[in-house]
Amino acid sequence: MLAGRHRALAEVDLEAIRHNVRRLMRDLPAGAVHCAVVKANGYGHGAVPAARAALEAGATWLGVAAVAEAEELRAAGLTAPILIFGPMTGAELEVAVAAGADVVVWSAPFLAAARRLGARVHVKFDSGMGRLGVTEEEARVLCAGAAQDGLLIGLMSHFATADEADTTFFENQLDRVTALAGELAARYPGLLCHTANSAATLREPRSHFDMIRTGIAMYGLAPSNDDPFKDDLRPAMKLCSYVAGVRVVEPGESVGYGRRFVADEPARIGIVPIGYADGVTRLLTNRGDVLVAGRRCRISGTISMDQLTVRLPDDWGRPGDEVVFFGAAGDGVEGHDGEAWTGETGPRRDAPDAPRILCEEVAQLLQTVNYEVVCDVAPRVARRYRGAGSAA
């Protein structure tokens, strides 16, 4: 193994996250703020580093789904307001209050428990998502109850189709939220109204209200699962490994479990020490591409738990070469001829036309969304951060 080489590495560009936060805040109305969503370990990028980068770029709130995620942020010394989106038990509510986190309310019993503990609450109006949330009338009642003790902080909702081409349902939801938010904001001065996810933030300024809550776009991924660069977003994560060995298989010989790749001619095969336990799904077997020292090669043979194999051209691919699953190639990694391959003969790594495999391309091949691809990067994959800042 090469000195200093990780068998599997997720490299995260914190400056890309800062750029994306600044981009998302660019069109906000005066006084509106940004809640950086760092649930699910910052969508696989690392919750604490991502949160720090977002705060450095101007975000002022942090959003998570679970109490343990709020505790992690507080343990790291982050003092920004935290909103916990998801449901919780009574014991978890006590922990949330101890962590100084706000909670989301959508039932009278939960509001009663929150009031007993003095929890700051955001009432969730179901404008059409069809999950947790309350009707307009129930929202009025819950807001009134929370306001009695000075615990009412916000009114929120969530869009179901903001990332889809047909805007009919999205616009219907937005109209309903706008009407209720206007009514309740007049009744409760200072009420923080928020509903815009990444897709809505980019699509419709009317959805911004007092706060946006962005997750996927903050990490430089397209909410519509297509091209992030069209919205001036910079992908922050690169998942890579390296060529550990090269062998030649002869016609009729196979590679990997189940003999799912059988050579019909002499073939050079690169062995790469990463597998489905790292987040590279078996569904990419014989289908997905990788970049080997900047050149596209096909995954050939069954992806196993800890290794996979790629078909190499006759004139390309040697032990030590970088292998990229998504992200841009190069940027100082050891390369094809044994020296640092930086991509200096081509575009910058953060340019749209750099040698790159978009996370969205992988998602489309798998018939899923980019969210799942990055969230599947396993904890055992090392994270390395570029562009570290200083926010606490």
Protein backbone atom coordinates (compact mmCIF):
# COMPACT_ATOMS: atom_id res chain seq x y z
CA MET A 1 0.00 0.00 0.00
CA LEU A 2 1.19 3.52 -0.75
CA ALA A 3 2.22 5.61 2.23
CA GLY A 4 -0.58 7.91 3.35
CA ARG A 5 -3.15 6.34 1.03
CA HIS A 6 -6.65 5.67 2.39
CA ARG A 7 -8.35 2.53 1.12
CA ALA A 8 -11.56 4.54 0.95
CA LEU A 9 -11.73 8.30 1.32
CA ALA A 10 -14.48 10.90 1.27
CA GLU A 11 -12.80 14.22 0.66
CA VAL A 12 -15.00 17.16 1.63
CA ASP A 13 -14.36 20.68 0.37
CA LEU A 14 -15.54 23.03 3.11
CA GLU A 15 -15.03 26.06 0.91
CA ALA A 16 -17.55 24.56 -1.51
CA ILE A 17 -20.06 24.38 1.35
CA ARG A 18 -19.35 28.02 2.22
CA HIS A 19 -19.81 29.02 -1.42
CA ASN A 20 -23.11 27.14 -1.61
CA VAL A 21 -24.46 28.75 1.57
CA ARG A 22 -23.57 32.21 0.28
CA ARG A 23 -25.23 31.34 -3.03
CA LEU A 24 -28.41 30.15 -1.32
CA MET A 25 -28.59 33.31 0.81
CA ARG A 26 -27.97 35.63 -2.14
CA ASP A 27 -31.63 36.36 -2.90
CA LEU A 28 -33.08 36.32 0.61
CA PRO A 29 -35.28 39.24 1.66
CA ALA A 30 -33.93 41.64 4.26
CA GLY A 31 -33.90 40.08 7.70
CA ALA A 32 -34.36 36.49 6.51
CA VAL A 33 -31.93 33.88 7.83
CA HIS A 34 -30.55 30.50 6.80
CA CYS A 35 -30.97 27.23 8.68
CA ALA A 36 -28.21 24.84 7.58
CA VAL A 37 -29.53 21.28 7.64
CA VAL A 38 -26.84 18.94 8.95
CA LYS A 39 -28.92 15.88 9.83
CA ALA A 40 -27.72 12.39 8.84
CA ASN A 41 -24.13 13.34 9.62
CA GLY A 42 -24.37 16.33 7.34
CA TYR A 43 -25.73 14.14 4.52
CA GLY A 44 -22.62 12.01 4.91
CA HIS A 45 -20.24 14.98 4.79
CA GLY A 46 -19.72 15.26 8.55
CA ALA A 47 -22.19 17.20 10.66
CA VAL A 48 -19.79 19.28 12.72
CA PRO A 49 -17.41 20.39 9.94
CA ALA A 50 -20.36 21.12 7.64
CA ALA A 51 -22.12 23.10 10.37
CA ARG A 52 -19.01 25.15 11.08
CA ALA A 53 -18.52 25.93 7.39
CA ALA A 54 -22.17 26.95 6.99
CA LEU A 55 -22.02 29.25 10.01
CA GLU A 56 -18.83 30.83 8.70
CA ALA A 57 -20.65 31.58 5.45
CA GLY A 58 -23.59 33.30 7.13
CA ALA A 59 -26.04 30.62 8.27
CA THR A 60 -27.37 31.31 11.75
CA TRP A 61 -29.46 28.21 12.53
CA LEU A 62 -28.73 24.47 12.37
CA GLY A 63 -31.32 21.81 11.56
CA VAL A 64 -31.24 18.15 12.57
CA ALA A 65 -33.68 15.25 12.65
CA ALA A 66 -32.78 13.58 15.93
CA VAL A 67 -31.90 14.55 19.48
CA ALA A 68 -28.55 12.76 19.35
CA GLU A 69 -27.59 14.93 16.38
CA ALA A 70 -28.26 18.07 18.41
CA GLU A 71 -26.17 16.68 21.27
CA GLU A 72 -23.27 16.06 18.88
CA LEU A 73 -23.31 19.68 17.74
CA ARG A 74 -23.41 21.00 21.29
CA ALA A 75 -20.61 18.65 22.37
CA ALA A 76 -18.50 20.15 19.59
CA GLY A 77 -19.01 23.60 21.07
CA LEU A 78 -21.50 24.93 18.53
CA THR A 79 -23.80 27.50 20.13
CA ALA A 80 -26.07 28.46 17.22
CA PRO A 81 -29.83 27.85 17.56
CA ILE A 82 -30.73 24.26 16.70
CA LEU A 83 -34.09 23.05 15.44
CA ILE A 84 -34.89 19.34 15.78
CA PHE A 85 -37.32 18.40 13.00
CA GLY A 86 -38.31 14.86 13.98
CA PRO A 87 -40.59 13.24 16.54
CA MET A 88 -39.22 12.32 19.95
CA THR A 89 -40.15 10.51 23.13
CA GLY A 90 -40.63 12.27 26.44
CA ALA A 91 -37.11 11.33 27.54
CA GLU A 92 -35.70 12.68 24.29
CA LEU A 93 -37.63 15.91 24.75
CA GLU A 94 -35.90 16.41 28.10
CA VAL A 95 -32.51 15.93 26.41
CA ALA A 96 -33.48 18.35 23.65
CA VAL A 97 -34.37 21.02 26.20
CA ALA A 98 -31.13 20.39 28.08
CA ALA A 99 -29.26 20.89 24.79
CA GLY A 100 -31.05 24.21 24.26
CA ALA A 101 -32.65 23.01 21.04
CA ASP A 102 -36.02 24.07 19.60
CA VAL A 103 -38.55 21.35 18.81
CA VAL A 104 -41.32 20.88 16.27
CA VAL A 105 -44.90 20.43 17.52
CA TRP A 106 -47.84 18.85 15.69
CA SER A 107 -50.08 17.56 18.48
CA ALA A 108 -51.72 18.91 21.63
CA PRO A 109 -50.20 16.21 23.93
CA PHE A 110 -46.70 16.92 22.67
CA LEU A 111 -47.24 20.65 23.08
CA ALA A 112 -48.36 20.06 26.68
CA ALA A 113 -45.16 18.10 27.38
CA ALA A 114 -43.07 20.80 25.72
CA ARG A 115 -44.74 23.53 27.79
CA ARG A 116 -44.06 21.64 31.02
CA LEU A 117 -40.36 21.57 30.17
CA GLY A 118 -40.21 25.09 28.79
CA ALA A 119 -39.24 23.97 25.28
CA ARG A 120 -39.21 26.53 22.49
CA VAL A 121 -41.54 25.28 19.76
CA HIS A 122 -42.20 25.59 16.05
CA VAL A 123 -45.71 24.52 15.03
CA LYS A 124 -45.80 22.36 11.92
CA PHE A 125 -48.60 23.01 9.44
CA ASP A 126 -49.25 20.20 6.97
CA SER A 127 -49.82 22.13 3.76
CA GLY A 128 -49.67 19.00 1.62
CA MET A 129 -46.70 16.82 2.54
CA GLY A 130 -49.08 14.32 4.10
CA ARG A 131 -46.84 13.29 6.97
CA LEU A 132 -46.61 14.86 10.42
CA GLY A 133 -48.35 18.21 10.75
CA VAL A 134 -51.68 19.83 11.51
CA THR A 135 -54.48 21.63 9.71
CA GLU A 136 -54.87 25.40 9.60
CA GLU A 137 -57.30 25.42 12.51
CA GLU A 138 -55.18 23.07 14.60
CA ALA A 139 -52.14 25.26 13.88
CA ARG A 140 -54.01 28.28 15.21
CA VAL A 141 -54.85 26.39 18.42
CA LEU A 142 -51.30 25.10 18.94
CA CYS A 143 -49.79 28.52 18.28
CA ALA A 144 -52.13 30.09 20.82
CA GLY A 145 -51.21 27.49 23.42
CA ALA A 146 -47.47 27.91 22.90
CA ALA A 147 -47.72 31.69 22.89
CA GLN A 148 -49.33 31.69 26.37
CA ASP A 149 -45.98 30.75 27.92
CA GLY A 150 -43.84 32.72 25.49
CA LEU A 151 -42.59 29.50 23.90
CA LEU A 152 -43.87 30.04 20.37
CA ILE A 153 -40.92 30.64 18.04
CA GLY A 154 -41.99 29.55 14.60
CA LEU A 155 -44.55 28.30 12.13
CA MET A 156 -43.23 25.84 9.57
CA SER A 157 -44.30 23.59 6.74
CA HIS A 158 -42.57 21.39 4.17
CA PHE A 159 -42.93 21.11 0.39
CA ALA A 160 -43.63 17.78 -1.29
CA THR A 161 -42.91 18.62 -4.95
CA ALA A 162 -40.70 21.70 -5.02
CA ASP A 163 -38.09 19.77 -7.02
CA GLU A 164 -40.48 18.60 -9.75
CA ALA A 165 -41.18 20.16 -13.14
CA ASP A 166 -44.93 20.45 -12.60
CA THR A 167 -45.36 23.36 -10.18
CA THR A 168 -49.13 23.06 -9.65
CA PHE A 169 -49.05 21.29 -6.29
CA PHE A 170 -46.04 23.30 -5.10
CA GLU A 171 -47.84 26.55 -5.84
CA ASN A 172 -50.95 25.31 -4.04
CA GLN A 173 -48.90 24.51 -0.95
CA LEU A 174 -47.15 27.88 -1.12
CA ASP A 175 -50.46 29.71 -1.33
CA ARG A 176 -51.77 27.88 1.74
CA VAL A 177 -48.61 28.57 3.75
CA THR A 178 -48.57 32.22 2.68
CA ALA A 179 -52.14 32.77 3.86
CA LEU A 180 -51.66 31.11 7.24
CA ALA A 181 -48.23 32.65 7.83
CA GLY A 182 -49.58 36.13 7.12
CA GLU A 183 -52.46 35.65 9.52
CA LEU A 184 -50.37 34.25 12.37
CA ALA A 185 -47.45 36.63 11.91
CA ALA A 186 -49.88 39.52 12.37
CA ARG A 187 -51.18 37.92 15.55
CA TYR A 188 -47.75 36.98 16.96
CA PRO A 189 -45.15 39.63 16.13
CA GLY A 190 -41.70 38.14 15.65
CA LEU A 191 -43.05 34.72 14.60
CA LEU A 192 -40.43 32.95 12.47
CA CYS A 193 -42.19 31.53 9.40
CA HIS A 194 -40.23 29.01 7.36
CA THR A 195 -40.95 26.39 4.75
CA ALA A 196 -38.39 26.61 1.91
CA ASN A 197 -36.20 23.59 1.33
CA SER A 198 -33.33 23.67 -1.17
CA ALA A 199 -35.53 23.25 -4.22
CA ALA A 200 -37.97 25.96 -3.16
CA THR A 201 -35.14 28.31 -2.20
CA LEU A 202 -33.70 28.09 -5.70
CA ARG A 203 -37.03 28.06 -7.51
CA GLU A 204 -39.32 30.61 -5.85
CA PRO A 205 -38.32 33.68 -3.78
CA ARG A 206 -41.91 33.90 -2.45
CA SER A 207 -41.17 30.78 -0.42
CA HIS A 208 -38.30 32.32 1.55
CA PHE A 209 -40.39 33.99 4.28
CA ASP A 210 -38.26 34.55 7.41
CA MET A 211 -35.91 31.57 7.10
CA ILE A 212 -34.82 29.01 4.53
CA ARG A 213 -33.87 25.45 5.51
CA THR A 214 -31.44 24.01 2.98
CA GLY A 215 -29.75 20.64 3.02
CA ILE A 216 -28.94 19.03 -0.30
CA ALA A 217 -28.00 22.25 -2.13
CA MET A 218 -25.73 23.30 0.72
CA TYR A 219 -23.57 20.31 -0.16
CA GLY A 220 -23.49 21.29 -3.82
CA LEU A 221 -25.98 18.70 -5.03
CA ALA A 222 -28.93 19.51 -7.29
CA PRO A 223 -32.37 19.27 -5.62
CA SER A 224 -33.77 18.26 -8.99
CA ASN A 225 -31.15 15.48 -9.27
CA ASP A 226 -29.70 16.89 -12.49
CA ASP A 227 -26.87 19.43 -12.87
CA PRO A 228 -25.77 21.39 -9.79
CA PHE A 229 -23.62 23.79 -11.80
CA LYS A 230 -26.64 25.33 -13.51
CA ASP A 231 -27.57 26.85 -10.14
CA ASP A 232 -23.97 27.84 -9.32
CA LEU A 233 -23.62 25.04 -6.77
CA ARG A 234 -20.28 23.32 -6.14
CA PRO A 235 -20.30 19.63 -5.17
CA ALA A 236 -18.48 19.31 -1.85
CA MET A 237 -17.77 15.58 -1.62
CA LYS A 238 -15.47 13.34 -3.60
CA LEU A 239 -15.50 9.58 -2.91
CA CYS A 240 -12.33 7.86 -3.99
CA SER A 241 -9.97 4.94 -3.53
CA TYR A 242 -6.97 3.72 -5.53
CA VAL A 243 -5.78 0.91 -7.78
CA ALA A 244 -4.22 -1.63 -5.42
CA GLY A 245 -3.19 -4.07 -8.10
CA VAL A 246 -3.51 -4.89 -11.80
CA ARG A 247 -3.85 -8.30 -13.40
CA VAL A 248 -4.58 -9.63 -16.87
CA VAL A 249 -7.34 -12.19 -17.35
CA GLU A 250 -7.47 -14.37 -20.42
CA PRO A 251 -10.53 -15.20 -22.55
CA GLY A 252 -12.91 -17.38 -20.56
CA GLU A 253 -11.50 -16.37 -17.20
CA SER A 254 -13.74 -14.58 -14.72
CA VAL A 255 -13.44 -11.94 -12.04
CA GLY A 256 -15.22 -11.82 -8.68
CA TYR A 257 -18.18 -13.54 -7.03
CA GLY A 258 -20.68 -15.24 -9.27
CA ARG A 259 -18.46 -14.90 -12.39
CA ARG A 260 -20.48 -11.89 -13.49
CA PHE A 261 -17.59 -10.69 -15.63
CA VAL A 262 -16.08 -13.25 -18.00
CA ALA A 263 -13.41 -11.99 -20.39
CA ASP A 264 -14.02 -12.49 -24.10
CA GLU A 265 -10.51 -11.23 -24.86
CA PRO A 266 -7.39 -10.52 -22.79
CA ALA A 267 -8.43 -7.84 -20.30
CA ARG A 268 -6.53 -5.70 -17.80
CA ILE A 269 -8.32 -5.58 -14.48
CA GLY A 270 -7.69 -3.10 -11.69
CA ILE A 271 -8.44 -4.21 -8.13
CA VAL A 272 -9.79 -1.39 -5.94
CA PRO A 273 -10.08 -1.72 -2.11
CA ILE A 274 -13.56 -0.33 -1.64
CA GLY A 275 -16.92 -2.07 -1.67
CA TYR A 276 -20.54 -2.07 -0.64
CA ALA A 277 -19.66 -1.82 3.07
CA ASP A 278 -18.20 1.56 2.18
CA GLY A 279 -21.28 2.71 0.30
CA VAL A 280 -20.56 1.57 -3.28
CA THR A 281 -23.70 -0.47 -3.91
CA ARG A 282 -23.66 -3.84 -5.66
CA LEU A 283 -26.26 -2.40 -8.04
CA LEU A 284 -23.35 -0.74 -9.89
CA THR A 285 -21.90 -4.13 -10.81
CA ASN A 286 -21.03 -4.15 -14.54
CA ARG A 287 -22.86 -0.81 -14.92
CA GLY A 288 -21.17 2.03 -13.11
CA ASP A 289 -18.18 4.05 -14.25
CA VAL A 290 -15.25 5.35 -12.22
CA LEU A 291 -12.41 7.72 -13.03
CA VAL A 292 -9.01 6.07 -12.99
CA ALA A 293 -6.41 8.86 -12.98
CA GLY A 294 -9.02 11.03 -14.68
CA ARG A 295 -10.17 8.54 -17.33
CA ARG A 296 -13.53 6.75 -17.33
CA CYS A 297 -13.44 3.01 -16.77
CA ARG A 298 -16.27 0.54 -16.19
CA ILE A 299 -16.81 -1.40 -12.97
CA SER A 300 -16.50 -5.00 -14.19
CA GLY A 301 -17.40 -7.91 -11.97
CA THR A 302 -19.41 -8.16 -8.78
CA ILE A 303 -18.86 -5.45 -6.20
CA SER A 304 -18.02 -7.22 -2.96
CA MET A 305 -17.99 -5.98 0.62
CA ASP A 306 -14.47 -4.58 0.59
CA GLN A 307 -13.24 -4.69 -3.00
CA LEU A 308 -14.32 -4.20 -6.56
CA THR A 309 -12.72 -4.52 -9.96
CA VAL A 310 -12.60 -2.25 -13.01
CA ARG A 311 -11.77 -2.90 -16.64
CA LEU A 312 -8.68 -0.91 -17.60
CA PRO A 313 -7.67 0.13 -21.10
CA ASP A 314 -4.46 -1.42 -22.40
CA ASP A 315 -2.63 1.89 -22.07
CA TRP A 316 -4.03 3.19 -18.76
CA GLY A 317 -4.20 2.39 -15.08
CA ARG A 318 -1.39 1.41 -12.74
CA PRO A 319 -1.08 0.58 -9.03
CA GLY A 320 -1.44 3.75 -7.00
CA ASP A 321 -3.72 5.54 -9.45
CA GLU A 322 -6.63 7.44 -7.91
CA VAL A 323 -10.08 5.92 -8.49
CA VAL A 324 -13.03 8.33 -8.18
CA PHE A 325 -16.61 7.10 -7.76
CA PHE A 326 -18.15 10.54 -7.69
CA GLY A 327 -16.51 13.92 -7.65
CA ALA A 328 -13.69 15.42 -9.67
CA ALA A 329 -10.42 13.70 -10.49
CA GLY A 330 -6.99 14.96 -9.60
CA ASP A 331 -6.03 17.78 -7.28
CA GLY A 332 -2.72 16.47 -6.08
CA VAL A 333 -3.37 12.73 -5.85
CA GLU A 334 -0.79 10.25 -7.04
CA GLY A 335 -1.40 9.53 -10.67
CA HIS A 336 -0.96 7.35 -13.71
CA ASP A 337 2.75 7.86 -14.16
CA GLY A 338 3.59 7.61 -10.46
CA GLU A 339 3.71 11.37 -9.88
CA ALA A 340 1.13 13.84 -8.65
CA TRP A 341 -1.71 14.13 -11.16
CA THR A 342 -3.24 17.54 -10.59
CA GLY A 343 -5.33 18.04 -13.69
CA GLU A 344 -3.15 21.03 -14.56
CA THR A 345 -3.61 20.41 -18.28
CA GLY A 346 -7.36 20.70 -17.87
CA PRO A 347 -9.92 22.81 -16.01
CA ARG A 348 -9.94 23.50 -12.28
CA ARG A 349 -11.41 20.80 -10.08
CA ASP A 350 -14.39 23.01 -9.15
CA ALA A 351 -15.16 23.81 -12.80
CA PRO A 352 -18.17 22.08 -14.43
CA ASP A 353 -15.99 20.59 -17.19
CA ALA A 354 -13.33 19.10 -14.92
CA PRO A 355 -12.90 15.31 -15.25
CA ARG A 356 -15.81 14.38 -13.02
CA ILE A 357 -18.58 11.95 -12.24
CA LEU A 358 -21.55 13.75 -10.75
CA CYS A 359 -23.30 12.22 -7.78
CA GLU A 360 -26.49 12.86 -9.77
CA GLU A 361 -25.23 10.60 -12.57
CA VAL A 362 -24.75 7.76 -10.10
CA ALA A 363 -28.21 8.39 -8.62
CA GLN A 364 -29.90 8.36 -12.02
CA LEU A 365 -28.16 5.10 -12.91
CA LEU A 366 -29.49 3.60 -9.68
CA GLN A 367 -32.95 5.16 -10.14
CA THR A 368 -32.67 6.95 -6.84
CA VAL A 369 -31.72 10.44 -5.62
CA ASN A 370 -28.38 12.07 -4.87
CA TYR A 371 -29.36 12.32 -1.19
CA GLU A 372 -29.17 8.54 -0.88
CA VAL A 373 -25.82 8.26 -2.65
CA VAL A 374 -23.99 10.59 -0.26
CA CYS A 375 -25.84 9.41 2.85
CA ASP A 376 -24.78 5.83 2.04
CA VAL A 377 -21.07 6.65 2.36
CA ALA A 378 -20.25 4.50 5.37
CA PRO A 379 -18.78 5.64 8.71
CA ARG A 380 -15.68 3.51 8.12
CA VAL A 381 -14.77 5.63 5.09
CA ALA A 382 -12.18 8.17 6.19
CA ARG A 383 -13.21 11.82 5.87
CA ARG A 384 -10.63 14.42 4.92
CA TYR A 385 -11.48 18.12 4.96
CA ARG A 386 -10.10 20.83 2.72
CA GLY A 387 -10.49 24.53 3.46
CA ALA A 388 -11.04 24.27 7.21
CA GLY A 389 -12.19 27.46 8.91
CA SER A 390 -12.60 28.58 12.48
CA ALA A 391 -16.30 28.92 13.37
CA ALA A 392 -17.35 27.56 16.72
